[in-house]
All heavy atoms as atom14 arrays in JSON, in Angstrom:
{
  "sequence": "VVILGGGASLTAKVVRQIAIARQRDRCRVIAVNDTVYLAWWADWLH",
  "atom14_mask": [
    [1, 1, 1, 1, 1, 1, 1, 0, 0, 0, 0, 0, 0, 0],
    [1, 1, 1, 1, 1, 1, 1, 0, 0, 0, 0, 0, 0, 0],
    [1, 1, 1, 1, 1, 1, 1, 1, 0, 0, 0, 0, 0, 0],
    [1, 1, 1, 1, 1, 1, 1, 1, 0, 0, 0, 0, 0, 0],
    [1, 1, 1, 1, 0, 0, 0, 0, 0, 0, 0, 0, 0, 0],
    [1, 1, 1, 1, 0, 0, 0, 0, 0, 0, 0, 0, 0, 0],
    [1, 1, 1, 1, 0, 0, 0, 0, 0, 0, 0, 0, 0, 0],
    [1, 1, 1, 1, 1, 0, 0, 0, 0, 0, 0, 0, 0, 0],
    [1, 1, 1, 1, 1, 1, 0, 0, 0, 0, 0, 0, 0, 0],
    [1, 1, 1, 1, 1, 1, 1, 1, 0, 0, 0, 0, 0, 0],
    [1, 1, 1, 1, 1, 1, 1, 0, 0, 0, 0, 0, 0, 0],
    [1, 1, 1, 1, 1, 0, 0, 0, 0, 0, 0, 0, 0, 0],
    [1, 1, 1, 1, 1, 1, 1, 1, 1, 0, 0, 0, 0, 0],
    [1, 1, 1, 1, 1, 1, 1, 0, 0, 0, 0, 0, 0, 0],
    [1, 1, 1, 1, 1, 1, 1, 0, 0, 0, 0, 0, 0, 0],
    [1, 1, 1, 1, 1, 1, 1, 1, 1, 1, 1, 0, 0, 0],
    [1, 1, 1, 1, 1, 1, 1, 1, 1, 0, 0, 0, 0, 0],
    [1, 1, 1, 1, 1, 1, 1, 1, 0, 0, 0, 0, 0, 0],
    [1, 1, 1, 1, 1, 0, 0, 0, 0, 0, 0, 0, 0, 0],
    [1, 1, 1, 1, 1, 1, 1, 1, 0, 0, 0, 0, 0, 0],
    [1, 1, 1, 1, 1, 0, 0, 0, 0, 0, 0, 0, 0, 0],
    [1, 1, 1, 1, 1, 1, 1, 1, 1, 1, 1, 0, 0, 0],
    [1, 1, 1, 1, 1, 1, 1, 1, 1, 0, 0, 0, 0, 0],
    [1, 1, 1, 1, 1, 1, 1, 1, 1, 1, 1, 0, 0, 0],
    [1, 1, 1, 1, 1, 1, 1, 1, 0, 0, 0, 0, 0, 0],
    [1, 1, 1, 1, 1, 1, 1, 1, 1, 1, 1, 0, 0, 0],
    [1, 1, 1, 1, 1, 1, 0, 0, 0, 0, 0, 0, 0, 0],
    [1, 1, 1, 1, 1, 1, 1, 1, 1, 1, 1, 0, 0, 0],
    [1, 1, 1, 1, 1, 1, 1, 0, 0, 0, 0, 0, 0, 0],
    [1, 1, 1, 1, 1, 1, 1, 1, 0, 0, 0, 0, 0, 0],
    [1, 1, 1, 1, 1, 0, 0, 0, 0, 0, 0, 0, 0, 0],
    [1, 1, 1, 1, 1, 1, 1, 0, 0, 0, 0, 0, 0, 0],
    [1, 1, 1, 1, 1, 1, 1, 1, 0, 0, 0, 0, 0, 0],
    [1, 1, 1, 1, 1, 1, 1, 1, 0, 0, 0, 0, 0, 0],
    [1, 1, 1, 1, 1, 1, 1, 0, 0, 0, 0, 0, 0, 0],
    [1, 1, 1, 1, 1, 1, 1, 0, 0, 0, 0, 0, 0, 0],
    [1, 1, 1, 1, 1, 1, 1, 1, 1, 1, 1, 1, 0, 0],
    [1, 1, 1, 1, 1, 1, 1, 1, 0, 0, 0, 0, 0, 0],
    [1, 1, 1, 1, 1, 0, 0, 0, 0, 0, 0, 0, 0, 0],
    [1, 1, 1, 1, 1, 1, 1, 1, 1, 1, 1, 1, 1, 1],
    [1, 1, 1, 1, 1, 1, 1, 1, 1, 1, 1, 1, 1, 1],
    [1, 1, 1, 1, 1, 0, 0, 0, 0, 0, 0, 0, 0, 0],
    [1, 1, 1, 1, 1, 1, 1, 1, 0, 0, 0, 0, 0, 0],
    [1, 1, 1, 1, 1, 1, 1, 1, 1, 1, 1, 1, 1, 1],
    [1, 1, 1, 1, 1, 1, 1, 1, 0, 0, 0, 0, 0, 0],
    [1, 1, 1, 1, 1, 1, 1, 1, 1, 1, 0, 0, 0, 0]
  ],
  "atom14_positions": [
    [[83.4, -163.8, 180.08], [83.33, -164.98, 179.14], [82.12, -164.71, 178.25], [81.02, -164.54, 178.76], [83.2, -166.28, 179.94], [83.1, -167.44, 178.95], [84.45, -166.53, 180.86], [0.0, 0.0, 0.0], [0.0, 0.0, 0.0], [0.0, 0.0, 0.0], [0.0, 0.0, 0.0], [0.0, 0.0, 0.0], [0.0, 0.0, 0.0], [0.0, 0.0, 0.0]],
    [[82.37, -164.82, 176.94], [81.36, -164.82, 175.92], [81.01, -166.16, 175.43], [81.83, -167.03, 175.12], [81.78, -163.98, 174.74], [80.61, -163.85, 173.71], [82.13, -162.52, 175.18], [0.0, 0.0, 0.0], [0.0, 0.0, 0.0], [0.0, 0.0, 0.0], [0.0, 0.0, 0.0], [0.0, 0.0, 0.0], [0.0, 0.0, 0.0], [0.0, 0.0, 0.0]],
    [[79.55, -166.47, 175.42], [79.2, -167.78, 175.06], [78.47, -167.62, 173.67], [77.49, -166.77, 173.66], [78.34, -168.49, 176.05], [79.07, -168.6, 177.44], [77.83, -169.83, 175.6], [78.25, -169.25, 178.53], [0.0, 0.0, 0.0], [0.0, 0.0, 0.0], [0.0, 0.0, 0.0], [0.0, 0.0, 0.0], [0.0, 0.0, 0.0], [0.0, 0.0, 0.0]],
    [[78.84, -168.39, 172.7], [78.21, -168.28, 171.43], [77.11, -169.35, 171.23], [77.46, -170.56, 171.26], [79.27, -168.49, 170.29], [80.52, -167.59, 170.48], [81.45, -167.89, 169.3], [80.02, -166.04, 170.41], [0.0, 0.0, 0.0], [0.0, 0.0, 0.0], [0.0, 0.0, 0.0], [0.0, 0.0, 0.0], [0.0, 0.0, 0.0], [0.0, 0.0, 0.0]],
    [[75.92, -168.89, 171.04], [74.79, -169.78, 170.87], [74.38, -169.88, 169.4], [74.93, -169.13, 168.49], [0.0, 0.0, 0.0], [0.0, 0.0, 0.0], [0.0, 0.0, 0.0], [0.0, 0.0, 0.0], [0.0, 0.0, 0.0], [0.0, 0.0, 0.0], [0.0, 0.0, 0.0], [0.0, 0.0, 0.0], [0.0, 0.0, 0.0], [0.0, 0.0, 0.0]],
    [[73.45, -170.79, 169.11], [73.08, -171.04, 167.66], [72.01, -170.24, 167.07], [71.54, -170.48, 165.95], [0.0, 0.0, 0.0], [0.0, 0.0, 0.0], [0.0, 0.0, 0.0], [0.0, 0.0, 0.0], [0.0, 0.0, 0.0], [0.0, 0.0, 0.0], [0.0, 0.0, 0.0], [0.0, 0.0, 0.0], [0.0, 0.0, 0.0], [0.0, 0.0, 0.0]],
    [[71.53, -169.08, 167.76], [70.48, -168.29, 167.24], [70.82, -167.51, 165.97], [72.02, -167.22, 165.77], [0.0, 0.0, 0.0], [0.0, 0.0, 0.0], [0.0, 0.0, 0.0], [0.0, 0.0, 0.0], [0.0, 0.0, 0.0], [0.0, 0.0, 0.0], [0.0, 0.0, 0.0], [0.0, 0.0, 0.0], [0.0, 0.0, 0.0], [0.0, 0.0, 0.0]],
    [[69.85, -167.17, 165.16], [70.13, -166.46, 163.94], [70.72, -165.07, 164.15], [71.35, -164.48, 163.2], [68.8, -166.28, 163.14], [0.0, 0.0, 0.0], [0.0, 0.0, 0.0], [0.0, 0.0, 0.0], [0.0, 0.0, 0.0], [0.0, 0.0, 0.0], [0.0, 0.0, 0.0], [0.0, 0.0, 0.0], [0.0, 0.0, 0.0], [0.0, 0.0, 0.0]],
    [[70.63, -164.51, 165.28], [71.36, -163.23, 165.64], [72.78, -163.33, 165.65], [73.58, -162.35, 165.61], [70.77, -162.66, 166.92], [71.15, -163.45, 168.04], [0.0, 0.0, 0.0], [0.0, 0.0, 0.0], [0.0, 0.0, 0.0], [0.0, 0.0, 0.0], [0.0, 0.0, 0.0], [0.0, 0.0, 0.0], [0.0, 0.0, 0.0], [0.0, 0.0, 0.0]],
    [[73.39, -164.52, 165.68], [74.93, -164.69, 165.69], [75.3, -164.56, 164.24], [75.34, -165.44, 163.51], [75.29, -166.05, 166.35], [76.76, -166.2, 166.46], [77.34, -165.25, 167.58], [77.28, -167.63, 166.72], [0.0, 0.0, 0.0], [0.0, 0.0, 0.0], [0.0, 0.0, 0.0], [0.0, 0.0, 0.0], [0.0, 0.0, 0.0], [0.0, 0.0, 0.0]],
    [[75.88, -163.35, 163.91], [76.19, -163.12, 162.55], [77.78, -163.11, 162.47], [78.46, -163.09, 163.52], [75.74, -161.7, 162.02], [76.38, -160.69, 162.84], [74.25, -161.62, 162.2], [0.0, 0.0, 0.0], [0.0, 0.0, 0.0], [0.0, 0.0, 0.0], [0.0, 0.0, 0.0], [0.0, 0.0, 0.0], [0.0, 0.0, 0.0], [0.0, 0.0, 0.0]],
    [[78.27, -163.2, 161.23], [79.71, -163.17, 161.06], [80.31, -161.88, 161.54], [81.43, -161.92, 162.11], [80.02, -163.32, 159.54], [0.0, 0.0, 0.0], [0.0, 0.0, 0.0], [0.0, 0.0, 0.0], [0.0, 0.0, 0.0], [0.0, 0.0, 0.0], [0.0, 0.0, 0.0], [0.0, 0.0, 0.0], [0.0, 0.0, 0.0], [0.0, 0.0, 0.0]],
    [[79.6, -160.75, 161.49], [80.13, -159.52, 161.95], [80.2, -159.54, 163.5], [81.24, -159.1, 163.98], [79.09, -158.39, 161.52], [79.59, -157.03, 162.08], [78.49, -155.9, 161.65], [79.02, -154.54, 162.13], [77.96, -153.5, 161.78], [0.0, 0.0, 0.0], [0.0, 0.0, 0.0], [0.0, 0.0, 0.0], [0.0, 0.0, 0.0], [0.0, 0.0, 0.0]],
    [[79.28, -160.06, 164.15], [79.32, -160.15, 165.65], [80.5, -161.14, 166.07], [81.28, -160.79, 166.94], [78.02, -160.73, 166.14], [78.12, -161.1, 167.64], [76.85, -159.71, 165.97], [0.0, 0.0, 0.0], [0.0, 0.0, 0.0], [0.0, 0.0, 0.0], [0.0, 0.0, 0.0], [0.0, 0.0, 0.0], [0.0, 0.0, 0.0], [0.0, 0.0, 0.0]],
    [[80.68, -162.18, 165.28], [81.79, -163.14, 165.65], [83.13, -162.45, 165.44], [84.05, -162.62, 166.33], [81.7, -164.38, 164.8], [82.93, -165.26, 164.98], [80.42, -165.2, 165.13], [0.0, 0.0, 0.0], [0.0, 0.0, 0.0], [0.0, 0.0, 0.0], [0.0, 0.0, 0.0], [0.0, 0.0, 0.0], [0.0, 0.0, 0.0], [0.0, 0.0, 0.0]],
    [[83.31, -161.63, 164.43], [84.51, -160.95, 164.2], [84.79, -159.9, 165.31], [85.91, -159.84, 165.82], [84.51, -160.2, 162.89], [84.66, -161.12, 161.63], [85.07, -160.22, 160.44], [83.95, -159.29, 160.1], [82.92, -159.54, 159.28], [82.85, -160.78, 158.8], [82.03, -158.68, 159.12], [0.0, 0.0, 0.0], [0.0, 0.0, 0.0], [0.0, 0.0, 0.0]],
    [[83.75, -159.28, 165.76], [83.85, -158.29, 166.87], [84.34, -159.07, 168.16], [85.22, -158.57, 168.84], [82.57, -157.66, 167.19], [82.57, -156.64, 168.29], [81.19, -155.97, 168.45], [80.21, -156.37, 167.79], [81.13, -155.13, 169.46], [0.0, 0.0, 0.0], [0.0, 0.0, 0.0], [0.0, 0.0, 0.0], [0.0, 0.0, 0.0], [0.0, 0.0, 0.0]],
    [[83.82, -160.22, 168.39], [84.2, -161.0, 169.57], [85.64, -161.45, 169.46], [86.4, -161.56, 170.36], [83.27, -162.16, 169.85], [81.82, -161.65, 170.19], [83.74, -163.03, 170.92], [80.75, -162.64, 170.09], [0.0, 0.0, 0.0], [0.0, 0.0, 0.0], [0.0, 0.0, 0.0], [0.0, 0.0, 0.0], [0.0, 0.0, 0.0], [0.0, 0.0, 0.0]],
    [[85.98, -161.9, 168.22], [87.38, -162.4, 167.91], [88.51, -161.29, 168.31], [89.44, -161.6, 168.87], [87.46, -162.87, 166.56], [0.0, 0.0, 0.0], [0.0, 0.0, 0.0], [0.0, 0.0, 0.0], [0.0, 0.0, 0.0], [0.0, 0.0, 0.0], [0.0, 0.0, 0.0], [0.0, 0.0, 0.0], [0.0, 0.0, 0.0], [0.0, 0.0, 0.0]],
    [[88.06, -160.1, 167.92], [89.06, -159.0, 168.07], [89.09, -158.76, 169.66], [90.23, -158.52, 170.15], [88.58, -157.71, 167.33], [88.77, -157.91, 165.81], [89.38, -156.49, 167.78], [88.09, -156.82, 165.05], [0.0, 0.0, 0.0], [0.0, 0.0, 0.0], [0.0, 0.0, 0.0], [0.0, 0.0, 0.0], [0.0, 0.0, 0.0], [0.0, 0.0, 0.0]],
    [[87.96, -158.77, 170.26], [88.01, -158.52, 171.74], [88.76, -159.64, 172.43], [89.53, -159.31, 173.42], [86.55, -158.49, 172.29], [0.0, 0.0, 0.0], [0.0, 0.0, 0.0], [0.0, 0.0, 0.0], [0.0, 0.0, 0.0], [0.0, 0.0, 0.0], [0.0, 0.0, 0.0], [0.0, 0.0, 0.0], [0.0, 0.0, 0.0], [0.0, 0.0, 0.0]],
    [[88.73, -160.82, 171.95], [89.53, -161.91, 172.58], [91.01, -161.7, 172.34], [91.82, -161.86, 173.24], [88.99, -163.28, 172.03], [89.82, -164.41, 172.62], [89.44, -165.77, 171.89], [90.27, -166.88, 172.3], [91.44, -167.05, 171.67], [91.86, -166.34, 170.62], [92.15, -168.16, 172.05], [0.0, 0.0, 0.0], [0.0, 0.0, 0.0], [0.0, 0.0, 0.0]],
    [[91.35, -161.28, 171.07], [92.71, -161.02, 170.78], [93.28, -159.98, 171.7], [94.48, -159.94, 172.04], [92.85, -160.58, 169.35], [92.68, -161.79, 168.38], [92.79, -161.3, 166.92], [92.57, -160.08, 166.62], [92.96, -162.18, 165.96], [0.0, 0.0, 0.0], [0.0, 0.0, 0.0], [0.0, 0.0, 0.0], [0.0, 0.0, 0.0], [0.0, 0.0, 0.0]],
    [[92.47, -159.02, 172.1], [92.87, -157.86, 172.96], [92.75, -158.18, 174.38], [92.8, -157.35, 175.3], [92.15, -156.64, 172.58], [92.46, -156.14, 171.18], [91.63, -154.91, 170.73], [92.12, -154.46, 169.47], [91.54, -153.4, 168.76], [90.54, -152.76, 169.31], [91.98, -153.14, 167.61], [0.0, 0.0, 0.0], [0.0, 0.0, 0.0], [0.0, 0.0, 0.0]],
    [[92.49, -159.53, 174.69], [92.36, -160.06, 176.08], [91.21, -159.42, 176.87], [91.28, -159.27, 178.04], [93.69, -159.93, 176.8], [93.85, -160.87, 178.0], [93.29, -161.91, 177.86], [94.46, -160.56, 178.99], [0.0, 0.0, 0.0], [0.0, 0.0, 0.0], [0.0, 0.0, 0.0], [0.0, 0.0, 0.0], [0.0, 0.0, 0.0], [0.0, 0.0, 0.0]],
    [[90.1, -159.01, 176.25], [88.99, -158.55, 176.83], [87.96, -159.63, 177.39], [87.13, -159.34, 178.11], [88.22, -157.54, 175.99], [89.09, -156.27, 175.62], [88.25, -155.38, 174.66], [89.02, -154.2, 174.3], [88.72, -153.4, 173.31], [87.63, -153.64, 172.61], [89.43, -152.36, 173.09], [0.0, 0.0, 0.0], [0.0, 0.0, 0.0], [0.0, 0.0, 0.0]],
    [[88.14, -160.79, 176.75], [87.28, -161.84, 177.08], [87.74, -163.19, 176.7], [88.68, -163.3, 175.87], [85.87, -161.63, 176.33], [85.98, -161.78, 174.61], [0.0, 0.0, 0.0], [0.0, 0.0, 0.0], [0.0, 0.0, 0.0], [0.0, 0.0, 0.0], [0.0, 0.0, 0.0], [0.0, 0.0, 0.0], [0.0, 0.0, 0.0], [0.0, 0.0, 0.0]],
    [[87.22, -164.34, 177.24], [87.41, -165.6, 176.77], [86.12, -166.07, 176.13], [85.1, -165.49, 176.34], [87.78, -166.56, 177.97], [89.01, -166.17, 178.73], [90.26, -166.48, 177.88], [90.75, -165.26, 177.25], [91.56, -165.27, 176.2], [92.11, -166.37, 175.84], [91.98, -164.15, 175.7], [0.0, 0.0, 0.0], [0.0, 0.0, 0.0], [0.0, 0.0, 0.0]],
    [[86.17, -167.15, 175.29], [85.03, -167.54, 174.47], [84.75, -169.03, 174.51], [85.72, -169.8, 174.44], [85.3, -167.15, 172.95], [84.11, -167.45, 172.13], [85.5, -165.57, 172.9], [0.0, 0.0, 0.0], [0.0, 0.0, 0.0], [0.0, 0.0, 0.0], [0.0, 0.0, 0.0], [0.0, 0.0, 0.0], [0.0, 0.0, 0.0], [0.0, 0.0, 0.0]],
    [[83.43, -169.35, 174.76], [83.0, -170.73, 174.65], [82.14, -170.83, 173.46], [81.06, -170.13, 173.34], [82.29, -171.11, 175.9], [83.17, -171.05, 177.12], [81.72, -172.61, 175.78], [82.45, -171.4, 178.52], [0.0, 0.0, 0.0], [0.0, 0.0, 0.0], [0.0, 0.0, 0.0], [0.0, 0.0, 0.0], [0.0, 0.0, 0.0], [0.0, 0.0, 0.0]],
    [[82.42, -171.77, 172.55], [81.6, -171.98, 171.43], [80.71, -173.18, 171.74], [81.1, -174.18, 172.28], [82.44, -172.43, 170.16], [0.0, 0.0, 0.0], [0.0, 0.0, 0.0], [0.0, 0.0, 0.0], [0.0, 0.0, 0.0], [0.0, 0.0, 0.0], [0.0, 0.0, 0.0], [0.0, 0.0, 0.0], [0.0, 0.0, 0.0], [0.0, 0.0, 0.0]],
    [[79.39, -173.13, 171.4], [78.46, -174.17, 171.71], [78.01, -174.82, 170.27], [77.69, -174.19, 169.33], [77.17, -173.68, 172.38], [76.13, -174.73, 172.41], [77.46, -173.03, 173.7], [0.0, 0.0, 0.0], [0.0, 0.0, 0.0], [0.0, 0.0, 0.0], [0.0, 0.0, 0.0], [0.0, 0.0, 0.0], [0.0, 0.0, 0.0], [0.0, 0.0, 0.0]],
    [[78.31, -176.21, 170.25], [77.91, -176.87, 169.13], [78.39, -176.27, 167.69], [79.6, -175.98, 167.6], [76.37, -177.1, 169.04], [75.89, -177.95, 170.17], [76.6, -178.69, 170.77], [74.62, -177.67, 170.56], [0.0, 0.0, 0.0], [0.0, 0.0, 0.0], [0.0, 0.0, 0.0], [0.0, 0.0, 0.0], [0.0, 0.0, 0.0], [0.0, 0.0, 0.0]],
    [[77.58, -176.02, 166.8], [77.98, -175.51, 165.44], [78.62, -174.17, 165.39], [79.29, -173.93, 164.42], [76.67, -175.43, 164.49], [76.1, -176.82, 164.22], [75.42, -177.31, 165.13], [76.32, -177.3, 163.07], [0.0, 0.0, 0.0], [0.0, 0.0, 0.0], [0.0, 0.0, 0.0], [0.0, 0.0, 0.0], [0.0, 0.0, 0.0], [0.0, 0.0, 0.0]],
    [[78.64, -173.45, 166.48], [79.36, -172.16, 166.48], [80.79, -172.34, 166.36], [81.58, -171.4, 166.0], [78.96, -171.31, 167.71], [79.33, -171.98, 168.85], [77.43, -171.08, 167.74], [0.0, 0.0, 0.0], [0.0, 0.0, 0.0], [0.0, 0.0, 0.0], [0.0, 0.0, 0.0], [0.0, 0.0, 0.0], [0.0, 0.0, 0.0], [0.0, 0.0, 0.0]],
    [[81.27, -173.58, 166.58], [82.65, -173.85, 166.46], [83.2, -173.56, 165.02], [84.3, -173.26, 164.79], [83.04, -175.26, 166.9], [82.51, -176.27, 165.9], [84.48, -175.44, 167.07], [0.0, 0.0, 0.0], [0.0, 0.0, 0.0], [0.0, 0.0, 0.0], [0.0, 0.0, 0.0], [0.0, 0.0, 0.0], [0.0, 0.0, 0.0], [0.0, 0.0, 0.0]],
    [[82.21, -173.7, 164.05], [82.59, -173.44, 162.7], [82.77, -171.95, 162.37], [83.51, -171.59, 161.42], [81.49, -174.0, 161.7], [81.46, -175.49, 161.69], [80.54, -176.27, 162.38], [82.47, -176.25, 161.03], [80.54, -177.58, 162.3], [82.47, -177.62, 160.97], [81.49, -178.32, 161.62], [81.54, -179.75, 161.66], [0.0, 0.0, 0.0], [0.0, 0.0, 0.0]],
    [[82.12, -171.08, 163.1], [82.34, -169.63, 162.93], [83.39, -169.16, 163.91], [84.12, -168.14, 163.54], [81.11, -168.92, 163.41], [79.77, -169.06, 162.51], [78.69, -168.18, 163.08], [80.07, -168.66, 161.12], [0.0, 0.0, 0.0], [0.0, 0.0, 0.0], [0.0, 0.0, 0.0], [0.0, 0.0, 0.0], [0.0, 0.0, 0.0], [0.0, 0.0, 0.0]],
    [[83.71, -169.9, 164.96], [84.75, -169.45, 165.95], [85.69, -170.66, 166.29], [85.68, -171.05, 167.35], [83.98, -168.95, 167.24], [0.0, 0.0, 0.0], [0.0, 0.0, 0.0], [0.0, 0.0, 0.0], [0.0, 0.0, 0.0], [0.0, 0.0, 0.0], [0.0, 0.0, 0.0], [0.0, 0.0, 0.0], [0.0, 0.0, 0.0], [0.0, 0.0, 0.0]],
    [[86.32, -171.08, 165.28], [87.29, -172.16, 165.43], [88.47, -171.81, 166.51], [89.18, -172.64, 166.97], [87.9, -172.62, 164.09], [88.5, -171.46, 163.42], [87.89, -170.68, 162.43], [89.82, -170.92, 163.52], [88.78, -169.68, 161.97], [89.9, -169.82, 162.69], [90.94, -171.32, 164.37], [91.12, -169.1, 162.54], [92.1, -170.46, 164.2], [92.17, -169.44, 163.28]],
    [[88.57, -170.52, 166.66], [89.68, -170.04, 167.46], [89.15, -169.82, 169.0], [90.0, -169.34, 169.8], [90.06, -168.56, 167.06], [88.85, -167.75, 166.66], [88.42, -167.59, 165.36], [87.89, -167.17, 167.46], [87.26, -166.82, 165.29], [86.92, -166.46, 166.63], [87.76, -166.85, 168.87], [85.89, -165.75, 167.12], [86.71, -166.15, 169.29], [85.72, -165.55, 168.49]],
    [[87.94, -170.23, 169.29], [87.44, -170.08, 170.6], [88.28, -170.9, 171.63], [89.1, -171.75, 171.29], [85.91, -170.58, 170.69], [0.0, 0.0, 0.0], [0.0, 0.0, 0.0], [0.0, 0.0, 0.0], [0.0, 0.0, 0.0], [0.0, 0.0, 0.0], [0.0, 0.0, 0.0], [0.0, 0.0, 0.0], [0.0, 0.0, 0.0], [0.0, 0.0, 0.0]],
    [[88.17, -170.52, 172.88], [88.91, -171.2, 174.01], [88.37, -172.54, 174.33], [89.12, -173.43, 174.84], [88.98, -170.33, 175.18], [89.56, -168.98, 174.86], [90.82, -168.87, 174.76], [88.78, -168.02, 174.74], [0.0, 0.0, 0.0], [0.0, 0.0, 0.0], [0.0, 0.0, 0.0], [0.0, 0.0, 0.0], [0.0, 0.0, 0.0], [0.0, 0.0, 0.0]],
    [[87.06, -172.71, 174.07], [86.4, -173.88, 174.67], [85.16, -174.23, 173.7], [84.57, -173.48, 173.2], [85.82, -173.52, 175.99], [85.26, -174.51, 176.98], [84.54, -175.61, 176.63], [85.48, -174.56, 178.35], [84.3, -176.27, 177.76], [84.75, -175.67, 178.85], [86.15, -173.74, 179.3], [84.72, -175.99, 180.2], [86.11, -174.09, 180.68], [85.36, -175.26, 181.08]],
    [[85.0, -175.51, 173.54], [83.85, -176.1, 172.79], [83.07, -176.92, 173.85], [83.59, -177.89, 174.39], [84.32, -176.97, 171.63], [83.25, -177.78, 170.95], [82.05, -176.88, 170.34], [83.89, -178.65, 169.85], [0.0, 0.0, 0.0], [0.0, 0.0, 0.0], [0.0, 0.0, 0.0], [0.0, 0.0, 0.0], [0.0, 0.0, 0.0], [0.0, 0.0, 0.0]],
    [[81.75, -176.64, 173.94], [80.88, -177.61, 174.65], [79.8, -178.03, 173.72], [79.09, -177.3, 173.12], [80.32, -176.93, 175.9], [79.36, -177.8, 176.7], [79.98, -178.78, 177.47], [78.11, -177.97, 176.76], [78.98, -179.56, 177.96], [77.84, -179.02, 177.58], [0.0, 0.0, 0.0], [0.0, 0.0, 0.0], [0.0, 0.0, 0.0], [0.0, 0.0, 0.0]]
  ]
}
């Protein structure tokens, strides 16, 4: 499970990489707070 936090190191490039890994069923994804705007496709929002 990949958890997306709000730090500046979370870039659009990193989010795309995670999105592809999720599409290929390598991981599930939890978006925290504002990261839902970068990863609206995530499995979970907390």
